[in-house]
């Protein structure tokens, strides 16, 4: 069953939701650090960094259920703007319901709109065709 979500570019107004999701991601991968406070401080910096964007998936009730962090950089080797998906996370309750796919599709569309010509560290076969 597919979960209907709304995806938007996150801002500092979404900081609490992003911190909760980052902590859940940390716990999912079995790490103990960074702390919630450290995530908060780092996310504030990244939310104001033009080379990073977060995309937040929320249900119709407003519950944040997943996020993607995308990084952008110009490559002297590729002579083009590249993008890299640094984090992709969906809470357990929403997994296997298309949320991750919707997040990645949104990230690809956003990167394309920003002029990204190449994805770093991602095999082209992994990028869904639009």
Protein backbone atom coordinates (compact mmCIF):
# COMPACT_ATOMS: atom_id res chain seq x y z
CA UNK A 1 0.00 0.00 0.00
CA UNK A 2 1.36 3.39 -0.98
CA UNK A 3 1.52 6.14 1.64
CA UNK A 4 0.41 9.54 0.39
CA UNK A 5 2.86 12.18 1.49
CA UNK A 6 3.61 15.79 0.74
CA UNK A 7 7.25 16.59 0.09
CA UNK A 8 8.76 20.03 0.42
CA UNK A 9 12.13 21.70 0.70
CA UNK A 10 12.83 21.91 4.41
CA UNK A 11 13.55 25.17 6.19
CA UNK A 12 14.49 26.10 9.73
CA UNK A 13 10.78 25.84 10.57
CA UNK A 14 11.19 22.08 10.03
CA UNK A 15 14.21 21.81 12.34
CA UNK A 16 12.49 19.81 15.10
CA UNK A 17 11.15 17.27 12.61
CA UNK A 18 14.54 16.94 10.91
CA UNK A 19 16.30 16.42 14.25
CA UNK A 20 13.79 13.71 15.23
CA UNK A 21 14.29 11.96 11.90
CA UNK A 22 18.09 12.26 12.05
CA UNK A 23 18.10 10.76 15.55
CA UNK A 24 15.84 7.93 14.35
CA UNK A 25 18.22 7.34 11.41
CA UNK A 26 21.21 7.32 13.81
CA UNK A 27 19.44 4.79 16.02
CA UNK A 28 18.44 2.68 13.00
CA UNK A 29 22.07 2.30 11.94
CA UNK A 30 23.14 1.49 15.50
CA UNK A 31 25.15 4.61 16.27
CA UNK A 32 25.18 6.56 19.53
CA UNK A 33 26.36 9.89 18.20
CA UNK A 34 25.77 12.63 17.20
CA UNK A 35 23.43 13.66 20.00
CA UNK A 36 20.11 15.38 19.26
CA UNK A 37 21.68 18.67 20.30
CA UNK A 38 24.64 18.11 17.97
CA UNK A 39 22.31 17.22 15.12
CA UNK A 40 20.33 20.39 15.82
CA UNK A 41 23.42 22.60 15.63
CA UNK A 42 24.65 20.90 12.45
CA UNK A 43 21.27 21.02 10.76
CA UNK A 44 20.95 24.76 11.42
CA UNK A 45 24.26 25.27 9.61
CA UNK A 46 23.25 23.00 6.72
CA UNK A 47 19.81 24.59 6.32
CA UNK A 48 21.59 27.89 5.63
CA UNK A 49 24.17 26.34 3.27
CA UNK A 50 23.33 26.83 -0.41
CA UNK A 51 25.18 23.61 -1.28
CA UNK A 52 22.81 21.48 0.81
CA UNK A 53 19.07 20.90 0.77
CA UNK A 54 16.76 18.72 2.82
CA UNK A 55 13.48 17.37 1.47
CA UNK A 56 10.89 16.42 4.07
CA UNK A 57 8.02 13.96 3.57
CA UNK A 58 4.92 14.48 5.71
CA UNK A 59 1.60 12.67 5.92
CA UNK A 60 -1.76 14.42 5.59
CA UNK A 61 -1.76 14.76 9.40
CA UNK A 62 1.54 16.65 9.27
CA UNK A 63 3.66 13.83 10.70
CA UNK A 64 7.18 13.87 9.27
CA UNK A 65 7.96 10.36 8.01
CA UNK A 66 11.15 10.73 6.01
CA UNK A 67 13.82 12.97 4.59
CA UNK A 68 16.56 13.22 2.03
CA UNK A 69 19.67 15.38 2.28
CA UNK A 70 21.08 16.41 -1.08
CA UNK A 71 24.48 18.07 -1.58
CA UNK A 72 25.47 20.08 -4.63
CA UNK A 73 28.93 20.92 -5.92
CA UNK A 74 30.58 21.97 -9.14
CA UNK A 75 33.06 19.43 -10.49
CA UNK A 76 36.16 20.62 -12.31
CA UNK A 77 36.54 17.10 -13.70
CA UNK A 78 33.02 16.83 -15.02
CA UNK A 79 32.70 20.53 -15.86
CA UNK A 80 29.22 20.44 -14.41
CA UNK A 81 27.15 20.74 -11.28
CA UNK A 82 26.88 17.40 -9.44
CA UNK A 83 24.47 16.23 -6.78
CA UNK A 84 24.79 13.55 -4.16
CA UNK A 85 22.11 12.04 -1.95
CA UNK A 86 23.82 12.05 1.40
CA UNK A 87 20.96 10.77 3.57
CA UNK A 88 17.77 8.95 2.69
CA UNK A 89 15.63 7.86 5.64
CA UNK A 90 12.03 6.78 6.18
CA UNK A 91 10.57 5.87 9.57
CA UNK A 92 9.79 2.19 10.08
CA UNK A 93 6.00 2.69 10.00
CA UNK A 94 6.15 4.21 6.52
CA UNK A 95 8.72 1.92 4.89
CA UNK A 96 7.93 -0.19 1.84
CA UNK A 97 5.07 2.16 0.97
CA UNK A 98 6.76 4.30 -1.66
CA UNK A 99 7.85 7.17 0.59
CA UNK A 100 11.55 6.71 -0.13
CA UNK A 101 10.88 6.51 -3.85
CA UNK A 102 8.80 9.69 -3.70
CA UNK A 103 11.59 11.46 -1.79
CA UNK A 104 14.25 10.40 -4.30
CA UNK A 105 12.03 11.36 -7.26
CA UNK A 106 11.50 14.79 -5.67
CA UNK A 107 15.26 15.16 -5.10
CA UNK A 108 16.01 14.29 -8.73
CA UNK A 109 13.45 16.79 -10.00
CA UNK A 110 14.83 19.49 -7.71
CA UNK A 111 18.43 18.77 -8.74
CA UNK A 112 17.45 18.84 -12.40
CA UNK A 113 15.77 22.21 -11.85
CA UNK A 114 19.01 23.47 -10.28
CA UNK A 115 20.95 22.40 -13.38
CA UNK A 116 22.58 19.22 -12.09
CA UNK A 117 24.20 17.34 -14.94
CA UNK A 118 25.63 14.41 -12.98
CA UNK A 119 25.03 12.44 -9.79
CA UNK A 120 28.12 11.78 -7.68
CA UNK A 121 28.65 8.35 -6.13
CA UNK A 122 25.45 6.96 -7.59
CA UNK A 123 25.44 4.48 -10.47
CA UNK A 124 23.34 5.86 -13.29
CA UNK A 125 21.34 2.61 -13.30
CA UNK A 126 20.09 3.51 -9.80
CA UNK A 127 18.57 6.80 -10.94
CA UNK A 128 14.93 6.32 -12.01
CA UNK A 129 14.10 7.67 -15.45
CA UNK A 130 11.50 10.43 -15.49
